[in-house]
Amino acid sequence: MGALFHLTFEQWLKYGIRKGYCSEQFCSTHDIAPVHHTEVDEWDNGGDPCAHVVRLGSYDDWDLGE
């Protein structure tokens, strides 16, 4: 298996940030979400761009109703 399969979650997340796959983490309650210039352009032209969000964690972190 490749080296990526042996990373901790924190190492994996930092790798994704370095590679540009995701933004740095931020608080969606207290911080302003980072936006791409194309999203700003769409807003300025009357569009309504979606911001796709994924909250990361383990099954123990979430109440899955199971």
PDB file of N, CA and C in Angstrom:
ATOM      1  N   MET A   1       0.843  -1.194   0.000  1.00  0.00           N
ATOM      2  CA  MET A   1       0.000   0.000   0.000  1.00  0.00           C
ATOM      3  C   MET A   1       0.881   1.249   0.000  1.00  0.00           C
ATOM      4  N   GLY A   2       0.344   2.314  -0.549  1.00  0.00           N
ATOM      5  CA  GLY A   2       1.088   3.559  -0.596  1.00  0.00           C
ATOM      6  C   GLY A   2       1.177   4.228   0.761  1.00  0.00           C
ATOM      7  N   ALA A   3       2.035   5.227   0.828  1.00  0.00           N
ATOM      8  CA  ALA A   3       2.288   5.942   2.083  1.00  0.00           C
ATOM      9  C   ALA A   3       1.038   6.633   2.622  1.00  0.00           C
ATOM     10  N   LEU A   4       0.118   7.015   1.747  1.00  0.00           N
ATOM     11  CA  LEU A   4      -1.087   7.710   2.213  1.00  0.00           C
ATOM     12  C   LEU A   4      -1.946   6.836   3.112  1.00  0.00           C
ATOM     13  N   PHE A   5      -1.849   5.532   2.971  1.00  0.00           N
ATOM     14  CA  PHE A   5      -2.659   4.635   3.784  1.00  0.00           C
ATOM     15  C   PHE A   5      -2.146   4.521   5.211  1.00  0.00           C
ATOM     16  N   HIS A   6      -0.982   5.083   5.479  1.00  0.00           N
ATOM     17  CA  HIS A   6      -0.385   4.990   6.808  1.00  0.00           C
ATOM     18  C   HIS A   6      -0.392   6.338   7.534  1.00  0.00           C
ATOM     19  N   LEU A   7      -1.115   7.315   7.015  1.00  0.00           N
ATOM     20  CA  LEU A   7      -1.177   8.637   7.634  1.00  0.00           C
ATOM     21  C   LEU A   7      -2.206   8.664   8.751  1.00  0.00           C
ATOM     22  N   THR A   8      -1.938   9.481   9.751  1.00  0.00           N
ATOM     23  CA  THR A   8      -2.974   9.774  10.739  1.00  0.00           C
ATOM     24  C   THR A   8      -3.975  10.713  10.080  1.00  0.00           C
ATOM     25  N   PHE A   9      -5.106  10.919  10.714  1.00  0.00           N
ATOM     26  CA  PHE A   9      -6.109  11.837  10.177  1.00  0.00           C
ATOM     27  C   PHE A   9      -5.510  13.235  10.013  1.00  0.00           C
ATOM     28  N   GLU A  10      -4.779  13.708  11.016  1.00  0.00           N
ATOM     29  CA  GLU A  10      -4.199  15.058  10.958  1.00  0.00           C
ATOM     30  C   GLU A  10      -3.192  15.173   9.804  1.00  0.00           C
ATOM     31  N   GLN A  11      -2.363  14.165   9.608  1.00  0.00           N
ATOM     32  CA  GLN A  11      -1.407  14.175   8.501  1.00  0.00           C
ATOM     33  C   GLN A  11      -2.138  14.175   7.158  1.00  0.00           C
ATOM     34  N   TRP A  12      -3.192  13.362   7.067  1.00  0.00           N
ATOM     35  CA  TRP A  12      -3.979  13.277   5.844  1.00  0.00           C
ATOM     36  C   TRP A  12      -4.616  14.627   5.518  1.00  0.00           C
ATOM     37  N   LEU A  13      -5.179  15.299   6.538  1.00  0.00           N
ATOM     38  CA  LEU A  13      -5.810  16.596   6.328  1.00  0.00           C
ATOM     39  C   LEU A  13      -4.778  17.641   5.898  1.00  0.00           C
ATOM     40  N   LYS A  14      -3.630  17.676   6.561  1.00  0.00           N
ATOM     41  CA  LYS A  14      -2.577  18.630   6.194  1.00  0.00           C
ATOM     42  C   LYS A  14      -2.087  18.382   4.769  1.00  0.00           C
ATOM     43  N   TYR A  15      -1.996  17.107   4.381  1.00  0.00           N
ATOM     44  CA  TYR A  15      -1.611  16.764   3.013  1.00  0.00           C
ATOM     45  C   TYR A  15      -2.621  17.333   2.018  1.00  0.00           C
ATOM     46  N   GLY A  16      -3.899  17.155   2.300  1.00  0.00           N
ATOM     47  CA  GLY A  16      -4.939  17.686   1.426  1.00  0.00           C
ATOM     48  C   GLY A  16      -4.899  19.195   1.315  1.00  0.00           C
ATOM     49  N   ILE A  17      -4.618  19.877   2.414  1.00  0.00           N
ATOM     50  CA  ILE A  17      -4.506  21.341   2.391  1.00  0.00           C
ATOM     51  C   ILE A  17      -3.321  21.754   1.529  1.00  0.00           C
ATOM     52  N   ARG A  18      -2.161  21.103   1.745  1.00  0.00           N
ATOM     53  CA  ARG A  18      -0.952  21.418   0.965  1.00  0.00           C
ATOM     54  C   ARG A  18      -1.160  21.200  -0.524  1.00  0.00           C
ATOM     55  N   LYS A  19      -1.884  20.146  -0.883  1.00  0.00           N
ATOM     56  CA  LYS A  19      -2.117  19.833  -2.290  1.00  0.00           C
ATOM     57  C   LYS A  19      -3.223  20.692  -2.912  1.00  0.00           C
ATOM     58  N   GLY A  20      -3.928  21.468  -2.099  1.00  0.00           N
ATOM     59  CA  GLY A  20      -4.997  22.316  -2.619  1.00  0.00           C
ATOM     60  C   GLY A  20      -6.318  21.601  -2.794  1.00  0.00           C
ATOM     61  N   TYR A  21      -6.466  20.419  -2.170  1.00  0.00           N
ATOM     62  CA  TYR A  21      -7.717  19.671  -2.272  1.00  0.00           C
ATOM     63  C   TYR A  21      -8.804  20.241  -1.383  1.00  0.00           C
ATOM     64  N   CYS A  22      -8.422  21.005  -0.366  1.00  0.00           N
ATOM     65  CA  CYS A  22      -9.394  21.570   0.564  1.00  0.00           C
ATOM     66  C   CYS A  22      -8.801  22.815   1.212  1.00  0.00           C
ATOM     67  N   SER A  23      -9.658  23.588   1.835  1.00  0.00           N
ATOM     68  CA  SER A  23      -9.191  24.769   2.554  1.00  0.00           C
ATOM     69  C   SER A  23      -8.636  24.343   3.910  1.00  0.00           C
ATOM     70  N   GLU A  24      -7.997  25.281   4.580  1.00  0.00           N
ATOM     71  CA  GLU A  24      -7.655  25.036   5.969  1.00  0.00           C
ATOM     72  C   GLU A  24      -8.952  25.003   6.755  1.00  0.00           C
ATOM     73  N   GLN A  25      -8.921  24.384   7.913  1.00  0.00           N
ATOM     74  CA  GLN A  25     -10.151  24.299   8.694  1.00  0.00           C
ATOM     75  C   GLN A  25     -10.515  25.678   9.250  1.00  0.00           C
ATOM     76  N   PHE A  26     -11.807  25.882   9.429  1.00  0.00           N
ATOM     77  CA  PHE A  26     -12.329  27.122   9.977  1.00  0.00           C
ATOM     78  C   PHE A  26     -13.614  26.794  10.712  1.00  0.00           C
ATOM     79  N   CYS A  27     -14.046  27.695  11.561  1.00  0.00           N
ATOM     80  CA  CYS A  27     -15.286  27.509  12.315  1.00  0.00           C
ATOM     81  C   CYS A  27     -16.444  28.086  11.497  1.00  0.00           C
ATOM     82  N   SER A  28     -17.371  27.238  11.077  1.00  0.00           N
ATOM     83  CA  SER A  28     -18.487  27.731  10.268  1.00  0.00           C
ATOM     84  C   SER A  28     -19.465  28.571  11.081  1.00  0.00           C
ATOM     85  N   THR A  29     -19.347  28.534  12.402  1.00  0.00           N
ATOM     86  CA  THR A  29     -20.199  29.357  13.254  1.00  0.00           C
ATOM     87  C   THR A  29     -19.623  30.757  13.440  1.00  0.00           C
ATOM     88  N   HIS A  30     -18.311  30.846  13.581  1.00  0.00           N
ATOM     89  CA  HIS A  30     -17.687  32.108  13.963  1.00  0.00           C
ATOM     90  C   HIS A  30     -16.805  32.747  12.891  1.00  0.00           C
ATOM     91  N   ASP A  31     -16.396  32.010  11.878  1.00  0.00           N
ATOM     92  CA  ASP A  31     -15.516  32.533  10.836  1.00  0.00           C
ATOM     93  C   ASP A  31     -16.271  32.630   9.520  1.00  0.00           C
ATOM     94  N   ILE A  32     -15.729  33.429   8.639  1.00  0.00           N
ATOM     95  CA  ILE A  32     -16.289  33.529   7.293  1.00  0.00           C
ATOM     96  C   ILE A  32     -15.641  32.437   6.447  1.00  0.00           C
ATOM     97  N   ALA A  33     -16.443  31.683   5.727  1.00  0.00           N
ATOM     98  CA  ALA A  33     -15.929  30.604   4.893  1.00  0.00           C
ATOM     99  C   ALA A  33     -15.100  31.186   3.751  1.00  0.00           C
ATOM    100  N   PRO A  34     -13.988  30.538   3.418  1.00  0.00           N
ATOM    101  CA  PRO A  34     -13.205  31.013   2.276  1.00  0.00           C
ATOM    102  C   PRO A  34     -13.994  30.810   0.984  1.00  0.00           C
ATOM    103  N   VAL A  35     -13.842  31.735   0.061  1.00  0.00           N
ATOM    104  CA  VAL A  35     -14.526  31.632  -1.229  1.00  0.00           C
ATOM    105  C   VAL A  35     -13.504  31.765  -2.350  1.00  0.00           C
ATOM    106  N   HIS A  36     -13.830  31.178  -3.475  1.00  0.00           N
ATOM    107  CA  HIS A  36     -12.999  31.250  -4.669  1.00  0.00           C
ATOM    108  C   HIS A  36     -13.442  32.455  -5.492  1.00  0.00           C
ATOM    109  N   HIS A  37     -12.525  33.036  -6.237  1.00  0.00           N
ATOM    110  CA  HIS A  37     -12.874  34.234  -7.021  1.00  0.00           C
ATOM    111  C   HIS A  37     -14.014  33.962  -7.997  1.00  0.00           C
ATOM    112  N   THR A  38     -14.153  32.729  -8.465  1.00  0.00           N
ATOM    113  CA  THR A  38     -15.257  32.438  -9.376  1.00  0.00           C
ATOM    114  C   THR A  38     -16.603  32.504  -8.659  1.00  0.00           C
ATOM    115  N   GLU A  39     -16.617  32.174  -7.365  1.00  0.00           N
ATOM    116  CA  GLU A  39     -17.856  32.298  -6.583  1.00  0.00           C
ATOM    117  C   GLU A  39     -18.212  33.764  -6.377  1.00  0.00           C
ATOM    118  N   VAL A  40     -17.223  34.588  -6.107  1.00  0.00           N
ATOM    119  CA  VAL A  40     -17.455  36.026  -5.950  1.00  0.00           C
ATOM    120  C   VAL A  40     -18.012  36.597  -7.250  1.00  0.00           C
ATOM    121  N   ASP A  41     -17.404  36.201  -8.375  1.00  0.00           N
ATOM    122  CA  ASP A  41     -17.897  36.660  -9.680  1.00  0.00           C
ATOM    123  C   ASP A  41     -19.345  36.241  -9.906  1.00  0.00           C
ATOM    124  N   GLU A  42     -19.676  34.997  -9.542  1.00  0.00           N
ATOM    125  CA  GLU A  42     -21.048  34.520  -9.733  1.00  0.00           C
ATOM    126  C   GLU A  42     -22.023  35.325  -8.879  1.00  0.00           C
ATOM    127  N   TRP A  43     -21.659  35.575  -7.598  1.00  0.00           N
ATOM    128  CA  TRP A  43     -22.513  36.405  -6.728  1.00  0.00           C
ATOM    129  C   TRP A  43     -22.704  37.787  -7.337  1.00  0.00           C
ATOM    130  N   ASP A  44     -21.589  38.391  -7.812  1.00  0.00           N
ATOM    131  CA  ASP A  44     -21.656  39.737  -8.387  1.00  0.00           C
ATOM    132  C   ASP A  44     -22.529  39.796  -9.631  1.00  0.00           C
ATOM    133  N   ASN A  45     -22.662  38.674 -10.329  1.00  0.00           N
ATOM    134  CA  ASN A  45     -23.480  38.620 -11.545  1.00  0.00           C
ATOM    135  C   ASN A  45     -24.882  38.089 -11.294  1.00  0.00           C
ATOM    136  N   GLY A  46     -25.304  38.067 -10.021  1.00  0.00           N
ATOM    137  CA  GLY A  46     -26.660  37.673  -9.687  1.00  0.00           C
ATOM    138  C   GLY A  46     -26.864  36.187  -9.479  1.00  0.00           C
ATOM    139  N   GLY A  47     -25.789  35.414  -9.516  1.00  0.00           N
ATOM    140  CA  GLY A  47     -25.903  33.971  -9.318  1.00  0.00           C
ATOM    141  C   GLY A  47     -25.998  33.609  -7.843  1.00  0.00           C
ATOM    142  N   ASP A  48     -26.098  32.336  -7.600  1.00  0.00           N
ATOM    143  CA  ASP A  48     -26.228  31.825  -6.233  1.00  0.00           C
ATOM    144  C   ASP A  48     -25.390  30.550  -6.106  1.00  0.00           C
ATOM    145  N   PRO A  49     -24.049  30.701  -6.032  1.00  0.00           N
ATOM    146  CA  PRO A  49     -23.196  29.513  -6.008  1.00  0.00           C
ATOM    147  C   PRO A  49     -23.377  28.704  -4.720  1.00  0.00           C
ATOM    148  N   CYS A  50     -23.335  27.408  -4.871  1.00  0.00           N
ATOM    149  CA  CYS A  50     -23.419  26.514  -3.709  1.00  0.00           C
ATOM    150  C   CYS A  50     -22.047  26.363  -3.080  1.00  0.00           C
ATOM    151  N   ALA A  51     -22.018  26.191  -1.784  1.00  0.00           N
ATOM    152  CA  ALA A  51     -20.786  25.885  -1.064  1.00  0.00           C
ATOM    153  C   ALA A  51     -20.962  24.489  -0.491  1.00  0.00           C
ATOM    154  N   HIS A  52     -20.331  23.520  -1.101  1.00  0.00           N
ATOM    155  CA  HIS A  52     -20.453  22.133  -0.658  1.00  0.00           C
ATOM    156  C   HIS A  52     -19.578  21.933   0.574  1.00  0.00           C
ATOM    157  N   VAL A  53     -20.156  21.387   1.622  1.00  0.00           N
ATOM    158  CA  VAL A  53     -19.472  21.266   2.902  1.00  0.00           C
ATOM    159  C   VAL A  53     -19.481  19.815   3.349  1.00  0.00           C
ATOM    160  N   VAL A  54     -18.365  19.379   3.890  1.00  0.00           N
ATOM    161  CA  VAL A  54     -18.251  18.057   4.489  1.00  0.00           C
ATOM    162  C   VAL A  54     -17.710  18.252   5.898  1.00  0.00           C
ATOM    163  N   ARG A  55     -18.415  17.721   6.878  1.00  0.00           N
ATOM    164  CA  ARG A  55     -17.920  17.762   8.253  1.00  0.00           C
ATOM    165  C   ARG A  55     -17.254  16.435   8.530  1.00  0.00           C
ATOM    166  N   LEU A  56     -15.996  16.484   8.918  1.00  0.00           N
ATOM    167  CA  LEU A  56     -15.218  15.275   9.117  1.00  0.00           C
ATOM    168  C   LEU A  56     -15.263  14.828  10.563  1.00  0.00           C
ATOM    169  N   GLY A  57     -15.263  13.537  10.766  1.00  0.00           N
ATOM    170  CA  GLY A  57     -15.245  12.981  12.110  1.00  0.00           C
ATOM    171  C   GLY A  57     -15.451  11.480  12.041  1.00  0.00           C
ATOM    172  N   SER A  58     -15.525  10.869  13.187  1.00  0.00           N
ATOM    173  CA  SER A  58     -15.760   9.430  13.252  1.00  0.00           C
ATOM    174  C   SER A  58     -17.211   9.184  13.654  1.00  0.00           C
ATOM    175  N   TYR A  59     -17.625   7.925  13.597  1.00  0.00           N
ATOM    176  CA  TYR A  59     -18.990   7.590  13.983  1.00  0.00           C
ATOM    177  C   TYR A  59     -19.280   8.017  15.420  1.00  0.00           C
ATOM    178  N   ASP A  60     -18.268   7.989  16.262  1.00  0.00           N
ATOM    179  CA  ASP A  60     -18.458   8.393  17.663  1.00  0.00           C
ATOM    180  C   ASP A  60     -18.747   9.889  17.795  1.00  0.00           C
ATOM    181  N   ASP A  61     -18.376  10.673  16.794  1.00  0.00           N
ATOM    182  CA  ASP A  61     -18.578  12.128  16.836  1.00  0.00           C
ATOM    183  C   ASP A  61     -20.003  12.539  16.480  1.00  0.00           C
ATOM    184  N   TRP A  62     -20.767  11.671  15.852  1.00  0.00           N
ATOM    185  CA  TRP A  62     -22.064  12.053  15.309  1.00  0.00           C
ATOM    186  C   TRP A  62     -23.169  11.193  15.898  1.00  0.00           C
ATOM    187  N   ASP A  63     -24.304  11.802  16.097  1.00  0.00           N
ATOM    188  CA  ASP A  63     -25.502  11.052  16.471  1.00  0.00           C
ATOM    189  C   ASP A  63     -26.172  10.638  15.163  1.00  0.00           C
ATOM    190  N   LEU A  64     -25.981   9.404  14.782  1.00  0.00           N
ATOM    191  CA  LEU A  64     -26.484   8.911  13.512  1.00  0.00           C
ATOM    192  C   LEU A  64     -27.887   8.327  13.607  1.00  0.00           C
ATOM    193  N   GLY A  65     -28.497   8.420  14.785  1.00  0.00           N
ATOM    194  CA  GLY A  65     -29.848   7.919  14.953  1.00  0.00           C
ATOM    195  C   GLY A  65     -29.947   6.406  14.883  1.00  0.00           C
ATOM    196  N   GLU A  66     -28.861   5.743  15.133  1.00  0.00           N
ATOM    197  CA  GLU A  66     -28.872   4.278  15.029  1.00  0.00           C
ATOM    198  C   GLU A  66     -28.940   3.649  16.410  1.00  0.00           C
TER     199      GLU A  66
END
